[in-house]
Protein backbone atom coordinates (compact mmCIF):
# COMPACT_ATOMS: atom_id res chain seq x y z
CA UNK A 1 6.43 -24.12 -7.82
CA UNK A 2 6.86 -25.65 -11.24
CA UNK A 3 5.11 -28.88 -12.28
CA UNK A 4 7.27 -31.13 -14.51
CA UNK A 5 7.06 -34.55 -15.55
CA UNK A 6 4.55 -37.05 -17.23
CA UNK A 7 2.17 -37.02 -13.61
CA UNK A 8 1.71 -34.21 -11.34
CA UNK A 9 -0.28 -35.44 -7.95
CA UNK A 10 -3.42 -33.75 -9.04
CA UNK A 11 -3.52 -35.92 -12.37
CA UNK A 12 -4.30 -38.77 -9.89
CA UNK A 13 -7.70 -37.11 -8.68
CA UNK A 14 -10.81 -39.49 -9.46
CA UNK A 15 -11.69 -38.74 -12.77
CA UNK A 16 -15.43 -38.43 -11.98
CA UNK A 17 -14.52 -35.35 -9.90
CA UNK A 18 -12.41 -33.84 -12.38
CA UNK A 19 -15.36 -34.48 -14.93
CA UNK A 20 -17.49 -31.94 -13.33
CA UNK A 21 -17.80 -28.48 -15.04
CA UNK A 22 -18.76 -26.42 -12.24
CA UNK A 23 -19.39 -26.91 -8.33
CA UNK A 24 -23.14 -28.58 -7.77
CA UNK A 25 -25.90 -25.75 -7.89
CA UNK A 26 -27.82 -25.81 -4.49
CA UNK A 27 -30.68 -23.12 -4.03
CA UNK A 28 -30.26 -19.84 -2.60
CA UNK A 29 -33.02 -20.93 -0.22
CA UNK A 30 -31.85 -21.36 3.23
CA UNK A 31 -32.48 -24.33 5.22
CA UNK A 32 -34.65 -22.62 7.94
CA UNK A 33 -37.40 -21.47 4.71
CA UNK A 34 -37.42 -25.51 3.61
CA UNK A 35 -38.08 -26.39 7.62
CA UNK A 36 -40.81 -23.57 7.80
CA UNK A 37 -42.21 -25.05 4.41
CA UNK A 38 -42.72 -28.59 6.05
CA UNK A 39 -42.29 -28.93 10.12
CA UNK A 40 -41.79 -32.77 9.33
CA UNK A 41 -38.14 -31.29 7.81
CA UNK A 42 -37.17 -29.79 11.26
CA UNK A 43 -33.39 -30.66 11.88
CA UNK A 44 -34.47 -32.02 15.35
CA UNK A 45 -36.24 -34.91 13.09
CA UNK A 46 -33.57 -35.63 10.47
CA UNK A 47 -30.36 -36.57 10.52
CA UNK A 48 -27.74 -34.77 8.42
CA UNK A 49 -27.66 -37.52 5.88
CA UNK A 50 -31.37 -36.69 5.34
CA UNK A 51 -30.86 -32.92 5.23
CA UNK A 52 -27.97 -33.31 2.81
CA UNK A 53 -30.16 -35.45 0.54
CA UNK A 54 -32.67 -32.85 0.12
CA UNK A 55 -30.14 -30.40 -1.43
CA UNK A 56 -30.36 -31.26 -4.61
CA UNK A 57 -34.19 -31.05 -5.14
CA UNK A 58 -33.78 -27.32 -4.55
CA UNK A 59 -34.38 -25.19 -7.70
CA UNK A 60 -31.42 -24.24 -9.98
CA UNK A 61 -29.49 -20.98 -8.60
CA UNK A 62 -26.00 -19.66 -9.37
CA UNK A 63 -25.16 -19.33 -5.28
CA UNK A 64 -23.89 -22.41 -3.52
CA UNK A 65 -24.60 -23.15 -0.17
CA UNK A 66 -21.78 -24.06 2.19
CA UNK A 67 -23.45 -27.18 3.33
CA UNK A 68 -22.24 -27.41 7.09
CA UNK A 69 -24.41 -29.34 9.09
CA UNK A 70 -27.16 -28.81 9.79
CA UNK A 71 -27.36 -24.80 10.28
CA UNK A 72 -30.73 -23.04 10.82
CA UNK A 73 -29.27 -20.70 8.01
CA UNK A 74 -26.12 -20.74 6.10
CA UNK A 75 -22.97 -19.03 7.24
CA UNK A 76 -21.38 -18.53 3.70
CA UNK A 77 -22.75 -18.54 -0.21
CA UNK A 78 -20.59 -18.34 -3.00
CA UNK A 79 -20.88 -17.85 -6.71
CA UNK A 80 -18.60 -18.04 -9.57
CA UNK A 81 -19.19 -14.84 -11.53
CA UNK A 82 -17.32 -15.87 -14.71
CA UNK A 83 -14.54 -17.83 -15.68
CA UNK A 84 -12.05 -16.63 -18.21
CA UNK A 85 -10.27 -18.65 -20.47
CA UNK A 86 -7.06 -17.23 -21.94
CA UNK A 87 -4.88 -18.88 -24.74
CA UNK A 88 -1.71 -17.07 -23.00
CA UNK A 89 -0.38 -19.95 -21.35
CA UNK A 90 0.05 -20.49 -17.63
CA UNK A 91 -1.24 -17.65 -15.40
CA UNK A 92 1.54 -17.11 -12.74
CA UNK A 93 0.54 -14.27 -10.91
CA UNK A 94 -3.01 -11.69 -10.10
CA UNK A 95 -2.92 -8.10 -8.50
CA UNK A 96 -6.25 -5.89 -7.77
CA UNK A 97 -5.56 -1.98 -7.55
CA UNK A 98 -7.86 1.10 -8.19
CA UNK A 99 -11.11 -1.25 -9.13
CA UNK A 100 -8.63 -3.37 -11.88
CA UNK A 101 -7.28 -6.75 -11.99
CA UNK A 102 -3.87 -7.41 -13.13
CA UNK A 103 -3.01 -10.76 -14.31
CA UNK A 104 0.27 -11.96 -15.66
CA UNK A 105 1.26 -15.18 -17.73
CA UNK A 106 3.60 -17.19 -19.85
CA UNK A 107 3.04 -14.36 -22.72
CA UNK A 108 4.78 -10.88 -22.54
CA UNK A 109 1.46 -9.10 -21.97
CA UNK A 110 0.00 -8.15 -18.35
CA UNK A 111 -3.79 -8.07 -19.11
CA UNK A 112 -5.98 -5.70 -17.21
CA UNK A 113 -9.50 -6.39 -16.37
CA UNK A 114 -12.41 -4.37 -14.83
CA UNK A 115 -13.70 -5.56 -11.21
CA UNK A 116 -15.97 -7.13 -10.68
CA UNK A 117 -17.64 -7.56 -14.65
CA UNK A 118 -14.05 -8.86 -15.64
CA UNK A 119 -14.39 -7.29 -19.03
CA UNK A 120 -10.69 -6.83 -20.30
CA UNK A 121 -10.27 -3.07 -20.51
CA UNK A 122 -6.46 -3.06 -21.55
CA UNK A 123 -3.26 -4.97 -21.92
CA UNK A 124 0.76 -3.71 -20.77
CA UNK A 125 3.01 -4.85 -23.45
CA UNK A 126 6.53 -5.71 -22.12
CA UNK A 127 9.81 -6.67 -23.55
CA UNK A 128 10.10 -9.93 -21.63
CA UNK A 129 7.59 -12.67 -21.33
CA UNK A 130 6.67 -15.21 -18.09
CA UNK A 131 5.54 -12.77 -15.60
CA UNK A 132 6.16 -14.49 -12.83
CA UNK A 133 4.87 -12.15 -9.99
CA UNK A 134 2.46 -8.98 -10.19
CA UNK A 135 2.46 -6.64 -6.97
CA UNK A 136 -0.05 -3.62 -7.15
CA UNK A 137 0.04 -0.61 -4.73
CA UNK A 138 -2.20 2.74 -5.56
CA UNK A 139 -1.25 3.55 -9.24
CA UNK A 140 2.27 1.37 -8.97
CA UNK A 141 2.59 -1.91 -10.58
CA UNK A 142 5.33 -4.05 -10.40
CA UNK A 143 6.03 -7.18 -12.28
CA UNK A 144 8.72 -9.61 -12.41
CA UNK A 145 9.70 -11.43 -15.90
CA UNK A 146 12.01 -14.26 -17.44
CA UNK A 147 14.89 -12.08 -17.72
CA UNK A 148 15.14 -11.84 -14.22
CA UNK A 149 14.25 -8.01 -14.09
CA UNK A 150 11.68 -6.04 -12.48
CA UNK A 151 9.54 -3.44 -14.37
CA UNK A 152 7.74 -0.65 -12.37
CA UNK A 153 4.48 1.15 -14.09
CA UNK A 154 2.37 3.82 -13.24
CA UNK A 155 -1.48 3.96 -14.10
CA UNK A 156 -3.68 6.68 -14.84
CA UNK A 157 -7.64 5.81 -15.02
CA UNK A 158 -10.43 7.76 -16.44
CA UNK A 159 -14.07 6.37 -17.31
CA UNK A 160 -13.09 6.18 -21.10
CA UNK A 161 -9.28 5.94 -20.89
CA UNK A 162 -6.64 3.85 -19.47
CA UNK A 163 -2.54 4.79 -19.71
CA UNK A 164 0.17 3.02 -18.32
CA UNK A 165 3.58 4.16 -18.33
CA UNK A 166 6.71 2.35 -17.49
CA UNK A 167 8.96 4.29 -14.96
CA UNK A 168 11.91 1.83 -14.34
CA UNK A 169 13.59 -1.20 -14.96
CA UNK A 170 15.19 -2.93 -12.11
CA UNK A 171 18.19 -3.11 -12.48
CA UNK A 172 19.03 -0.77 -15.23
CA UNK A 173 19.55 -1.68 -18.68
CA UNK A 174 22.93 -2.78 -19.58
CA UNK A 175 25.68 -0.63 -20.73
CA UNK A 176 29.40 -0.96 -21.39
CA UNK A 177 30.40 1.16 -18.30
CA UNK A 178 27.72 -0.19 -15.96
CA UNK A 179 27.71 -3.78 -17.02
CA UNK A 180 29.55 -5.32 -14.04
CA UNK A 181 27.54 -3.25 -11.74
CA UNK A 182 24.14 -4.24 -13.39
CA UNK A 183 25.04 -8.00 -13.51
CA UNK A 184 26.10 -7.73 -9.62
CA UNK A 185 22.71 -6.33 -8.55
CA UNK A 186 20.42 -8.90 -11.11
CA UNK A 187 19.08 -12.26 -9.78
CA UNK A 188 20.74 -15.35 -11.26
CA UNK A 189 17.22 -17.17 -11.28
CA UNK A 190 13.60 -16.73 -11.55
CA UNK A 191 12.22 -13.99 -9.23
CA UNK A 192 9.12 -15.82 -7.69
CA UNK A 193 7.70 -13.36 -5.36
CA UNK A 194 7.41 -9.55 -4.53
CA UNK A 195 6.67 -7.58 -1.55
CA UNK A 196 6.64 -3.99 -0.85
CA UNK A 197 6.84 -1.76 2.40
CA UNK A 198 4.89 1.21 1.87
CA UNK A 199 6.14 3.68 4.52
CA UNK A 200 9.92 3.45 3.34
CA UNK A 201 9.19 2.98 -0.14
CA UNK A 202 11.04 -0.31 -0.50
CA UNK A 203 10.64 -3.20 -2.98
CA UNK A 204 11.88 -6.83 -2.04
CA UNK A 205 12.30 -9.50 -4.30
CA UNK A 206 13.05 -13.17 -3.47
CA UNK A 207 14.33 -15.80 -6.19
CA UNK A 208 14.90 -19.29 -6.73
CA UNK A 209 18.78 -18.20 -6.72
CA UNK A 210 17.95 -18.44 -2.28
CA UNK A 211 18.54 -14.39 -2.28
CA UNK A 212 16.56 -11.40 -1.49
CA UNK A 213 17.22 -8.10 -2.48
CA UNK A 214 16.03 -4.82 -1.56
CA UNK A 215 15.39 -2.11 -4.05
CA UNK A 216 15.14 1.49 -3.21
CA UNK A 217 12.10 3.10 -5.48
CA UNK A 218 13.71 6.69 -4.78
CA UNK A 219 16.94 6.44 -6.66
CA UNK A 220 15.70 2.79 -8.42
CA UNK A 221 18.69 0.92 -7.11
CA UNK A 222 19.40 -2.45 -5.27
CA UNK A 223 20.59 -1.17 -1.52
CA UNK A 224 20.86 -4.83 0.10
CA UNK A 225 21.24 -8.28 -0.98
CA UNK A 226 21.52 -11.28 1.04
CA UNK A 227 21.16 -14.98 0.78
CA UNK A 228 18.26 -15.75 2.72
CA UNK A 229 17.67 -19.55 2.75
CA UNK A 230 19.19 -22.78 1.58
CA UNK A 231 17.01 -23.29 -1.09
CA UNK A 232 14.52 -21.43 -3.64
CA UNK A 233 12.82 -18.21 -1.88
CA UNK A 234 8.99 -18.94 -2.83
CA UNK A 235 7.13 -15.91 -0.82
CA UNK A 236 7.86 -12.57 0.83
CA UNK A 237 5.27 -10.78 3.13
CA UNK A 238 5.85 -7.25 5.10
CA UNK A 239 4.31 -6.60 7.98
CA UNK A 240 3.01 -2.88 7.27
CA UNK A 241 2.93 -2.04 10.83
CA UNK A 242 6.22 -2.47 12.11
CA UNK A 243 8.36 -3.20 8.65
CA UNK A 244 9.28 -6.67 9.54
CA UNK A 245 9.75 -8.84 6.30
CA UNK A 246 9.04 -12.72 6.33
CA UNK A 247 10.61 -14.94 3.67
CA UNK A 248 9.72 -18.73 3.55
CA UNK A 249 11.76 -21.06 1.30
CA UNK A 250 11.78 -24.89 -0.08
CA UNK A 251 13.92 -25.74 2.59
CA UNK A 252 11.01 -25.80 4.71
CA UNK A 253 11.70 -22.67 6.81
CA UNK A 254 10.20 -19.15 7.65
CA UNK A 255 12.46 -16.54 8.47
CA UNK A 256 11.54 -13.00 9.97
CA UNK A 257 14.19 -10.11 9.24
CA UNK A 258 14.54 -6.44 10.13
CA UNK A 259 16.14 -3.53 8.71
CA UNK A 260 19.25 -2.22 10.63
CA UNK A 261 18.46 0.93 12.34
CA UNK A 262 19.71 3.86 9.89
CA UNK A 263 21.15 1.43 7.47
CA UNK A 264 19.97 -0.61 4.22
CA UNK A 265 21.08 -3.88 5.30
CA UNK A 266 18.70 -6.55 7.12
CA UNK A 267 19.33 -8.87 10.08
CA UNK A 268 17.71 -12.19 10.82
CA UNK A 269 15.83 -11.90 13.90
CA UNK A 270 13.83 -15.31 13.99
CA UNK A 271 13.57 -18.64 12.29
CA UNK A 272 10.20 -20.70 12.25
CA UNK A 273 11.37 -23.87 10.92
CA UNK A 274 8.52 -25.76 12.14
CA UNK A 275 7.33 -27.58 8.42
CA UNK A 276 9.46 -30.32 6.78
CA UNK A 277 8.14 -29.78 3.74
CA UNK A 278 8.62 -26.84 1.28
CA UNK A 279 6.70 -23.47 2.26
CA UNK A 280 4.99 -22.06 -1.14
CA UNK A 281 2.72 -19.18 0.13
CA UNK A 282 2.50 -16.64 3.23
CA UNK A 283 -0.01 -14.17 4.34
CA UNK A 284 -0.11 -11.58 7.05
CA UNK A 285 -3.75 -10.68 8.91
CA UNK A 286 -3.15 -7.19 11.13
CA UNK A 287 -6.06 -6.02 13.59
CA UNK A 288 -6.23 -3.62 16.22
CA UNK A 289 -5.50 -6.06 18.59
CA UNK A 290 -3.18 -9.27 16.98
CA UNK A 291 -1.23 -10.24 14.02
CA UNK A 292 -1.28 -13.67 12.54
CA UNK A 293 0.96 -14.88 9.77
CA UNK A 294 -0.03 -17.61 8.01
CA UNK A 295 2.19 -20.49 5.68
CA UNK A 296 1.15 -22.60 3.18
CA UNK A 297 3.41 -25.95 2.29
CA UNK A 298 3.18 -28.80 0.23
CA UNK A 299 2.38 -30.87 2.71
CA UNK A 300 -1.26 -29.28 2.40
CA UNK A 301 -1.05 -27.79 5.75
CA UNK A 302 -1.95 -24.03 6.64
CA UNK A 303 0.10 -23.35 9.45
CA UNK A 304 -0.41 -20.40 11.51
CA UNK A 305 1.62 -18.04 14.24
CA UNK A 306 0.12 -15.04 16.44
CA UNK A 307 2.26 -12.37 17.32
CA UNK A 308 2.86 -12.12 21.23
CA UNK A 309 1.98 -8.57 22.51
CA UNK A 310 4.27 -8.75 25.19
CA UNK A 311 7.60 -10.29 23.49
CA UNK A 312 6.65 -9.47 19.97
CA UNK A 313 7.67 -12.98 19.08
CA UNK A 314 5.75 -15.37 17.24
CA UNK A 315 4.05 -18.47 18.66
CA UNK A 316 3.06 -21.12 16.68
CA UNK A 317 -0.79 -21.51 17.59
CA UNK A 318 -1.80 -24.44 15.18
CA UNK A 319 -2.60 -25.75 11.68
CA UNK A 320 -5.40 -25.77 9.32
CA UNK A 321 -5.73 -29.24 7.64
CA UNK A 322 -7.97 -30.27 4.86
CA UNK A 323 -5.97 -29.93 1.94
CA UNK A 324 -5.12 -33.08 -0.07
CA UNK A 325 -2.24 -31.87 -1.84
CA UNK A 326 0.09 -29.07 -1.87
CA UNK A 327 -1.26 -25.27 -0.65
CA UNK A 328 0.23 -22.86 -3.54
CA UNK A 329 -1.32 -19.55 -2.57
CA UNK A 330 -3.01 -17.82 0.42
CA UNK A 331 -4.90 -14.48 0.88
CA UNK A 332 -5.62 -13.05 4.05
CA UNK A 333 -8.47 -10.35 4.52
CA UNK A 334 -10.25 -9.39 7.90
CA UNK A 335 -10.48 -12.43 9.36
CA UNK A 336 -10.90 -14.66 5.88
CA UNK A 337 -8.16 -16.56 4.79
CA UNK A 338 -8.18 -18.14 1.47
CA UNK A 339 -5.95 -21.32 0.48
CA UNK A 340 -5.56 -22.13 -2.79
CA UNK A 341 -4.35 -25.94 -3.85
CA UNK A 342 -2.95 -28.32 -5.86
CA UNK A 343 -5.94 -30.29 -5.32
CA UNK A 344 -7.95 -27.69 -7.56
CA UNK A 345 -9.91 -26.35 -4.59
CA UNK A 346 -10.08 -23.19 -2.36
CA UNK A 347 -10.92 -23.57 1.23
CA UNK A 348 -12.11 -20.49 3.12
CA UNK A 349 -11.38 -20.16 6.71
CA UNK A 350 -12.40 -17.75 9.41
CA UNK A 351 -10.20 -17.01 12.65
CA UNK A 352 -12.93 -16.54 15.21
CA UNK A 353 -12.85 -13.07 17.10
CA UNK A 354 -10.73 -12.83 19.87
CA UNK A 355 -8.96 -16.19 19.71
CA UNK A 356 -6.56 -18.40 17.55
CA UNK A 357 -9.34 -20.59 16.65
CA UNK A 358 -10.57 -21.17 12.96
CA UNK A 359 -13.48 -22.76 11.22
CA UNK A 360 -13.25 -23.89 7.75
CA UNK A 361 -16.64 -22.25 6.06
CA UNK A 362 -16.55 -24.04 2.28
CA UNK A 363 -14.66 -25.99 0.22
CA UNK A 364 -14.79 -23.96 -3.56
CA UNK A 365 -14.36 -26.45 -6.58
CA UNK A 366 -14.53 -25.34 -10.02
CA UNK A 367 -10.92 -25.43 -11.40
CA UNK A 368 -9.31 -28.61 -13.15
CA UNK A 369 -5.75 -27.60 -12.55
CA UNK A 370 -3.64 -26.55 -9.32
CA UNK A 371 -4.79 -23.00 -8.02
CA UNK A 372 -1.51 -21.04 -8.43
CA UNK A 373 -2.55 -17.82 -7.19
CA UNK A 374 -5.27 -15.54 -6.03
CA UNK A 375 -6.42 -12.09 -5.04
CA UNK A 376 -9.33 -10.69 -2.93
CA UNK A 377 -11.24 -7.60 -1.77
CA UNK A 378 -13.91 -6.73 0.42
CA UNK A 379 -17.29 -5.92 -1.22
CA UNK A 380 -20.35 -4.66 1.22
CA UNK A 381 -23.68 -4.98 0.64
CA UNK A 382 -26.11 -3.59 2.90
CA UNK A 383 -25.60 -5.52 6.34
CA UNK A 384 -23.74 -8.29 4.88
CA UNK A 385 -19.79 -8.22 4.21
CA UNK A 386 -19.06 -9.75 0.77
CA UNK A 387 -15.78 -10.62 -1.11
CA UNK A 388 -14.56 -10.48 -4.70
CA UNK A 389 -12.07 -13.84 -5.33
CA UNK A 390 -10.01 -13.65 -8.10
CA UNK A 391 -8.18 -17.32 -8.66
CA UNK A 392 -6.08 -18.31 -11.52
CA UNK A 393 -5.27 -22.01 -12.36
CA UNK A 394 -2.82 -24.12 -14.32
CA UNK A 395 -6.06 -25.05 -15.99
CA UNK A 396 -4.92 -21.73 -17.77
CA UNK A 397 -8.17 -19.93 -16.55
CA UNK A 398 -8.99 -17.14 -14.26
CA UNK A 399 -12.12 -17.61 -12.06
CA UNK A 400 -13.95 -14.94 -10.51
CA UNK A 401 -16.19 -15.51 -7.11
CA UNK A 402 -18.59 -13.63 -5.18
CA UNK A 403 -18.66 -14.69 -1.36
CA UNK A 404 -21.11 -13.57 1.32
CA UNK A 405 -20.74 -14.52 4.77
CA UNK A 406 -23.16 -14.25 7.44
CA UNK A 407 -21.89 -13.46 10.82
CA UNK A 408 -23.34 -14.68 14.23
CA UNK A 409 -23.28 -18.54 13.46
CA UNK A 410 -21.34 -20.85 16.06
CA UNK A 411 -19.31 -23.63 14.66
CA UNK A 412 -17.35 -26.38 15.49
CA UNK A 413 -13.56 -24.74 15.43
CA UNK A 414 -9.89 -26.14 14.70
CA UNK A 415 -7.35 -24.63 17.06
CA UNK A 416 -4.02 -25.34 19.09
CA UNK A 417 -4.01 -28.86 19.97
CA UNK A 418 -6.26 -30.45 17.85
CA UNK A 419 -5.56 -33.96 16.75
CA UNK A 420 -8.28 -34.79 14.69
CA UNK A 421 -8.47 -34.03 11.00
CA UNK A 422 -10.66 -30.60 10.61
CA UNK A 423 -13.17 -32.69 8.00
CA UNK A 424 -13.91 -35.04 10.92
CA UNK A 425 -14.75 -32.65 13.66
CA UNK A 426 -16.46 -30.05 10.98
CA UNK A 427 -17.73 -31.72 7.74
CA UNK A 428 -17.43 -29.27 5.12
CA UNK A 429 -18.62 -31.04 2.32
CA UNK A 430 -17.41 -30.09 -1.14
CA UNK A 431 -20.01 -30.22 -3.92
CA UNK A 432 -18.65 -33.36 -5.71
CA UNK A 433 -18.45 -35.22 -2.25
CA UNK A 434 -22.38 -34.52 -1.91
CA UNK A 435 -23.00 -35.62 -5.31
CA UNK A 436 -21.14 -38.76 -4.61
CA UNK A 437 -22.34 -39.57 -1.21
CA UNK A 438 -26.08 -39.14 -2.69
CA UNK A 439 -25.28 -41.34 -5.60
CA UNK A 440 -24.60 -44.02 -2.85
CA UNK A 441 -27.80 -43.46 -1.12
CA UNK A 442 -29.70 -44.23 -4.17
């Protein structure tokens, strides 16, 4: 989504919050270690406010404790590894593949970074700027540009060498004979999202012209085009297990599409019209026994649906509440969901195993503008599951977060039928909130 005009909702955020350079630095030492050093600090003898008041007295550390009240050990730690300030304008898209991170912005260059050091490895220079969407799969990279076309690239990587090659432009370049055909295949407005169905080699593109187009990579042609919504198409995701394609729009609806058997055309199978505000982002989470669809909307909510095993229909299970402004991007990996918002924060949610209930593990602060896009990957270290999360904001920075999740912690969860706000029943405190609260105590 674009932000025009003199003010946006995030601009009214408290000046004190926005002046913070980075999240409050708390100790890597766990609460349990502190309690062992001084029995008087046992959680049975202290209120949650007293425990919170102890946190800033810890020595400085690059790790930030998820300050859930009052755990014997932390359930999540996060660390900002680096913050990359670029002068390419706003950053619209991020993708990860083969140990590399790809970012697209208002410039005509795709910047390529090494994980997790985030050293710039190379760049791909294109003929058109405003790279609105990037999608990476193995050695293939897809980029969508201001000229409403898609470039397809292959990459080859060696320890001391990186090479990229453009293998296609969709639709193909105009010529005198092909001009009418090319014009009919091309989107009439900005391409906002990309999705790729691996098994069939099918690329889906969604646009602000309200349409979805289907491209066959084998013959590099548009094989289907249809009006999907009554307003801009903002997100597309494909269920790689069964090939279902999901689209979301500014008209507030989410639609499920299937390919007609033996054909290239698509048919609408279900409309999830639960939201009343624009739906900006989608994410799919598949496990051995379950399939969940997540949506982020401009009312600040993350709604989620679960696929019923018998009927195959998606049932609305609830919503995750906590963001103050629009949710602009979502990433799902394993049982975690990362939501980036116009309120400049990233929230980390965990789905409880064997249920549709979710816990908000932490609120990550650090950006000074709306979090526009994210990407994530798993990073295992001994017995602790870790994640690398890459977030780009309209403050023109890319931040890299290392997150470690400790399993086995029981938390109050938010699920179907809950009427209270998430932070009222499970107060996940942002670092700036803790700082303000402490100032009030003193």
